[in-house]
Amino acid sequence: MPTPDDIDPIQDAKAARERATVPDDKTPAHTPGPWRTAIRRGYIAVMAGPQTATKAVADCRTVDTEHAEAVANCTLIAAAPDLLAACEAAAEHLSSLIESGVPGWAQFNQLKAAIRKATGST
């Protein structure tokens, strides 16, 4: 069984891109969470799955970004599944409040727009 130190997030991400085949008319669902930030030998990546069967979700290295900023970006990306779930729950709750007469359409519309952007729906 591989350990986290045996897994190279960058090679795993490249292999995943090479294996990926998505029909032109379909947007793939995101990789299920939880996601986490992994830093190893200078690589900064978002990883998903258990420690023994992990896969890369995003490569956060860039040539022109400082290390601390790249780690912060990666950490924010890793929170995406949790943020999406929280937005969906908040939108559902806010919807029921609005239906009962509590004002909040602007915030509801903002949440729904963020959810649409995160899920790639229109």
Protein backbone atom coordinates (compact mmCIF):
# COMPACT_ATOMS: atom_id res chain seq x y z
CA MET A 1 0.00 0.00 0.00
CA PRO A 2 1.52 3.39 -0.91
CA THR A 3 2.12 5.92 1.81
CA PRO A 4 1.58 9.69 1.33
CA ASP A 5 5.34 10.06 0.79
CA ASP A 6 5.20 7.55 -2.09
CA ILE A 7 2.66 9.61 -4.02
CA ASP A 8 3.86 12.42 -6.25
CA PRO A 9 0.89 14.82 -6.56
CA ILE A 10 2.16 16.31 -9.79
CA GLN A 11 2.64 12.98 -11.56
CA ASP A 12 -0.75 11.84 -10.27
CA ALA A 13 -2.41 15.00 -11.66
CA LYS A 14 -0.72 14.52 -15.04
CA ALA A 15 -1.83 10.89 -15.19
CA ALA A 16 -5.40 11.87 -14.30
CA ARG A 17 -5.48 14.47 -17.10
CA GLU A 18 -4.22 11.89 -19.58
CA ARG A 19 -6.90 9.37 -18.51
CA ALA A 20 -9.74 11.89 -18.49
CA THR A 21 -12.24 11.64 -21.30
CA VAL A 22 -15.29 13.87 -21.00
CA PRO A 23 -17.95 14.06 -23.72
CA ASP A 24 -18.22 17.57 -25.21
CA ASP A 25 -21.83 17.94 -24.07
CA LYS A 26 -21.21 17.05 -20.41
CA THR A 27 -19.49 18.85 -17.57
CA PRO A 28 -17.90 16.37 -15.17
CA ALA A 29 -18.87 16.44 -11.50
CA HIS A 30 -16.07 17.51 -9.20
CA THR A 31 -13.96 15.01 -7.30
CA PRO A 32 -15.73 14.24 -4.02
CA GLY A 33 -14.25 15.74 -0.85
CA PRO A 34 -12.77 16.02 1.57
CA TRP A 35 -9.82 17.70 -0.09
CA ARG A 36 -6.58 18.68 1.62
CA THR A 37 -3.41 20.61 0.89
CA ALA A 38 -0.29 18.49 0.36
CA ILE A 39 3.21 19.94 0.36
CA ARG A 40 6.04 17.63 -0.58
CA ARG A 41 9.48 18.31 -2.03
CA GLY A 42 8.45 21.77 -3.18
CA TYR A 43 5.20 20.60 -4.78
CA ILE A 44 1.99 22.15 -3.50
CA ALA A 45 -1.20 20.38 -4.51
CA VAL A 46 -4.79 19.73 -3.49
CA MET A 47 -5.32 16.03 -2.88
CA ALA A 48 -8.50 13.99 -2.40
CA GLY A 49 -9.19 10.57 -0.97
CA PRO A 50 -7.79 8.59 1.92
CA GLN A 51 -4.05 8.77 2.60
CA THR A 52 -3.51 5.32 1.04
CA ALA A 53 -5.50 5.95 -2.16
CA THR A 54 -5.09 9.65 -2.75
CA LYS A 55 -5.31 11.50 -6.05
CA ALA A 56 -4.38 15.01 -7.13
CA VAL A 57 -7.16 17.52 -7.70
CA ALA A 58 -5.09 20.65 -8.41
CA ASP A 59 -1.45 21.63 -8.82
CA CYS A 60 -0.91 24.91 -6.97
CA ARG A 61 2.66 25.59 -8.09
CA THR A 62 3.26 28.65 -10.20
CA VAL A 63 6.44 30.30 -11.35
CA ASP A 64 5.47 33.81 -10.28
CA THR A 65 3.75 33.09 -6.93
CA GLU A 66 5.51 33.15 -3.58
CA HIS A 67 5.41 29.88 -1.63
CA ALA A 68 3.17 31.26 1.16
CA GLU A 69 0.68 32.63 -1.37
CA ALA A 70 0.62 29.32 -3.27
CA VAL A 71 -0.05 27.45 -0.02
CA ALA A 72 -2.85 29.91 0.85
CA ASN A 73 -4.38 29.49 -2.64
CA CYS A 74 -4.14 25.72 -2.34
CA THR A 75 -5.76 25.81 1.10
CA LEU A 76 -8.66 27.86 -0.27
CA ILE A 77 -9.10 25.44 -3.19
CA ALA A 78 -9.04 22.49 -0.77
CA ALA A 79 -11.95 24.06 1.14
CA ALA A 80 -14.10 24.22 -2.02
CA PRO A 81 -16.23 21.07 -1.44
CA ASP A 82 -16.99 22.17 2.13
CA LEU A 83 -17.74 25.74 1.02
CA LEU A 84 -20.07 24.47 -1.71
CA ALA A 85 -21.95 22.25 0.77
CA ALA A 86 -22.27 25.16 3.23
CA CYS A 87 -23.55 27.47 0.47
CA GLU A 88 -26.11 24.91 -0.66
CA ALA A 89 -27.36 24.44 2.92
CA ALA A 90 -27.47 28.21 3.53
CA ALA A 91 -29.34 28.81 0.26
CA GLU A 92 -31.92 26.19 1.19
CA HIS A 93 -32.40 27.74 4.65
CA LEU A 94 -32.49 31.30 3.28
CA SER A 95 -35.05 30.23 0.69
CA SER A 96 -37.44 29.05 3.42
CA LEU A 97 -36.92 32.26 5.39
CA ILE A 98 -37.66 34.39 2.31
CA GLU A 99 -40.80 32.36 1.59
CA SER A 100 -42.00 33.17 5.12
CA GLY A 101 -41.54 36.91 4.53
CA VAL A 102 -38.01 37.61 5.82
CA PRO A 103 -36.12 39.88 3.38
CA GLY A 104 -33.00 38.43 1.80
CA TRP A 105 -33.37 38.08 -1.96
CA ALA A 106 -30.05 39.80 -2.72
CA GLN A 107 -28.10 37.42 -0.46
CA PHE A 108 -30.06 34.43 -1.77
CA ASN A 109 -29.28 35.40 -5.37
CA GLN A 110 -25.61 35.88 -4.48
CA LEU A 111 -25.46 32.42 -2.92
CA LYS A 112 -27.22 30.81 -5.87
CA ALA A 113 -24.85 32.53 -8.32
CA ALA A 114 -21.84 31.21 -6.38
CA ILE A 115 -23.33 27.70 -6.33
CA ARG A 116 -23.99 27.84 -10.10
CA LYS A 117 -20.41 28.98 -10.69
CA ALA A 118 -19.01 26.21 -8.47
CA THR A 119 -21.10 23.49 -10.09
CA GLY A 120 -20.83 24.76 -13.66
CA SER A 121 -24.62 24.93 -14.03
CA THR A 122 -26.53 27.73 -15.68
